[in-house]
């Protein structure tokens, strides 16, 4: 995310903004950036802003790195657990253990975890708030 927004209201370090341009949504067909999504950002760098100021906002670099790692590591770790524990599970259910069944279980876990992460990435669930990175 790298957005250009307009400050609507200042509440201490929390700033209420409306999105004017979202560079991550340019190719999106939903057109929601034209309606102006309203949300809160942080002013951790204490930029001198007033209501109506145009600002650039983004997530902290550390948070973007963490989100990227989690998007890859969680499905891979869950898939490895599925491979390791599928034999134990199949033994308990008296199912014949074949490589194709273990592969199917691992692939199913991988797909389910990827779909879950995709769905979460499309919601308003975030580990932190974006912050102001500059003024326009």
Protein backbone atom coordinates (compact mmCIF):
# COMPACT_ATOMS: atom_id res chain seq x y z
CA UNK A 1 0.00 0.00 0.00
CA UNK A 2 1.22 3.48 -0.83
CA UNK A 3 -1.64 5.95 -0.72
CA UNK A 4 -2.26 9.61 -1.09
CA UNK A 5 -4.89 10.78 1.36
CA UNK A 6 -6.53 13.90 2.73
CA UNK A 7 -6.67 14.57 6.46
CA UNK A 8 -10.25 14.80 7.72
CA UNK A 9 -9.83 14.96 11.49
CA UNK A 10 -6.92 15.01 13.95
CA UNK A 11 -7.28 13.07 17.21
CA UNK A 12 -3.86 13.22 18.88
CA UNK A 13 -1.55 10.77 17.09
CA UNK A 14 -4.52 9.12 15.34
CA UNK A 15 -5.45 10.90 12.14
CA UNK A 16 -8.71 10.24 10.28
CA UNK A 17 -8.06 10.32 6.53
CA UNK A 18 -9.89 9.67 3.28
CA UNK A 19 -8.03 7.97 0.43
CA UNK A 20 -7.64 10.02 -2.73
CA UNK A 21 -5.32 7.74 -4.70
CA UNK A 22 -4.20 4.22 -3.90
CA UNK A 23 -1.28 3.00 -5.99
CA UNK A 24 -2.03 -0.61 -5.01
CA UNK A 25 -5.53 -0.36 -6.51
CA UNK A 26 -4.76 1.15 -9.92
CA UNK A 27 -5.48 -2.07 -11.85
CA UNK A 28 -8.40 -3.11 -9.62
CA UNK A 29 -11.86 -3.20 -11.19
CA UNK A 30 -13.77 -2.48 -7.94
CA UNK A 31 -13.24 1.30 -8.22
CA UNK A 32 -13.54 1.73 -4.44
CA UNK A 33 -10.63 4.19 -4.38
CA UNK A 34 -12.86 6.65 -6.25
CA UNK A 35 -15.34 6.57 -3.35
CA UNK A 36 -12.65 7.47 -0.82
CA UNK A 37 -12.13 4.89 1.90
CA UNK A 38 -12.01 6.43 5.38
CA UNK A 39 -9.63 5.02 7.99
CA UNK A 40 -7.11 6.02 10.68
CA UNK A 41 -3.37 6.48 10.31
CA UNK A 42 -0.62 7.31 12.80
CA UNK A 43 1.53 10.43 12.82
CA UNK A 44 4.58 8.85 14.46
CA UNK A 45 7.00 11.27 12.76
CA UNK A 46 5.03 14.32 14.01
CA UNK A 47 4.49 15.94 10.63
CA UNK A 48 2.90 19.40 10.90
CA UNK A 49 -0.55 18.65 9.53
CA UNK A 50 -3.93 20.32 9.65
CA UNK A 51 -7.35 19.26 8.45
CA UNK A 52 -7.35 19.24 4.64
CA UNK A 53 -3.61 18.49 4.30
CA UNK A 54 -2.67 16.04 1.55
CA UNK A 55 -0.37 13.29 2.84
CA UNK A 56 1.39 10.12 1.72
CA UNK A 57 0.70 7.06 3.86
CA UNK A 58 2.20 3.59 4.00
CA UNK A 59 2.74 0.72 6.40
CA UNK A 60 6.08 0.63 8.27
CA UNK A 61 8.75 -1.36 6.38
CA UNK A 62 9.11 -3.88 9.19
CA UNK A 63 5.38 -4.60 9.08
CA UNK A 64 5.44 -5.10 5.31
CA UNK A 65 8.35 -7.54 5.63
CA UNK A 66 6.55 -9.44 8.42
CA UNK A 67 3.33 -9.64 6.39
CA UNK A 68 5.25 -10.94 3.38
CA UNK A 69 7.04 -13.57 5.43
CA UNK A 70 3.84 -14.71 7.10
CA UNK A 71 2.09 -14.97 3.74
CA UNK A 72 4.72 -17.51 2.67
CA UNK A 73 5.80 -19.15 5.92
CA UNK A 74 2.39 -20.03 7.37
CA UNK A 75 1.28 -22.13 4.35
CA UNK A 76 4.69 -23.80 4.07
CA UNK A 77 4.84 -24.65 7.79
CA UNK A 78 1.26 -25.95 7.79
CA UNK A 79 2.02 -28.06 4.72
CA UNK A 80 5.11 -29.53 6.41
CA UNK A 81 3.03 -30.38 9.48
CA UNK A 82 0.46 -32.02 7.22
CA UNK A 83 3.16 -34.16 5.59
CA UNK A 84 4.65 -35.13 8.96
CA UNK A 85 1.40 -35.86 10.77
CA UNK A 86 -0.65 -37.30 7.89
CA UNK A 87 0.90 -40.74 8.41
CA UNK A 88 -0.08 -40.70 12.09
CA UNK A 89 -3.60 -39.54 11.20
CA UNK A 90 -4.01 -42.15 8.49
CA UNK A 91 -2.82 -44.92 10.83
CA UNK A 92 -5.40 -43.94 13.47
CA UNK A 93 -8.24 -43.93 10.94
CA UNK A 94 -7.19 -47.31 9.48
CA UNK A 95 -6.74 -45.75 6.05
CA UNK A 96 -4.13 -47.31 3.77
CA UNK A 97 -1.04 -45.10 3.69
CA UNK A 98 0.03 -44.21 0.16
CA UNK A 99 2.07 -41.37 -1.16
CA UNK A 100 -0.85 -40.11 -3.22
CA UNK A 101 -3.05 -39.79 -0.10
CA UNK A 102 -0.31 -37.97 1.82
CA UNK A 103 0.24 -35.70 -1.19
CA UNK A 104 -3.49 -34.96 -1.41
CA UNK A 105 -3.64 -34.06 2.30
CA UNK A 106 -0.57 -31.81 2.03
CA UNK A 107 -1.88 -30.11 -1.11
CA UNK A 108 -5.29 -29.57 0.51
CA UNK A 109 -3.71 -27.96 3.58
CA UNK A 110 -1.56 -25.74 1.35
CA UNK A 111 -4.56 -24.59 -0.69
CA UNK A 112 -6.74 -23.97 2.37
CA UNK A 113 -4.01 -21.93 4.08
CA UNK A 114 -3.34 -19.89 0.92
CA UNK A 115 -7.05 -19.18 0.45
CA UNK A 116 -7.34 -18.16 4.11
CA UNK A 117 -4.42 -15.74 3.81
CA UNK A 118 -5.87 -14.34 0.58
CA UNK A 119 -9.24 -13.73 2.25
CA UNK A 120 -7.59 -12.10 5.28
CA UNK A 121 -5.57 -9.83 3.00
CA UNK A 122 -8.80 -8.50 1.50
CA UNK A 123 -10.33 -7.56 4.86
CA UNK A 124 -9.65 -4.64 7.19
CA UNK A 125 -7.75 -6.95 9.56
CA UNK A 126 -4.23 -5.51 9.98
CA UNK A 127 -1.59 -5.98 12.64
CA UNK A 128 -0.83 -2.26 12.72
CA UNK A 129 -2.10 1.01 11.34
CA UNK A 130 -0.47 2.75 8.38
CA UNK A 131 1.53 5.86 9.13
CA UNK A 132 2.19 9.19 7.47
CA UNK A 133 5.43 9.08 5.47
CA UNK A 134 5.31 12.51 3.89
CA UNK A 135 3.39 15.63 2.99
CA UNK A 136 2.34 16.76 -0.49
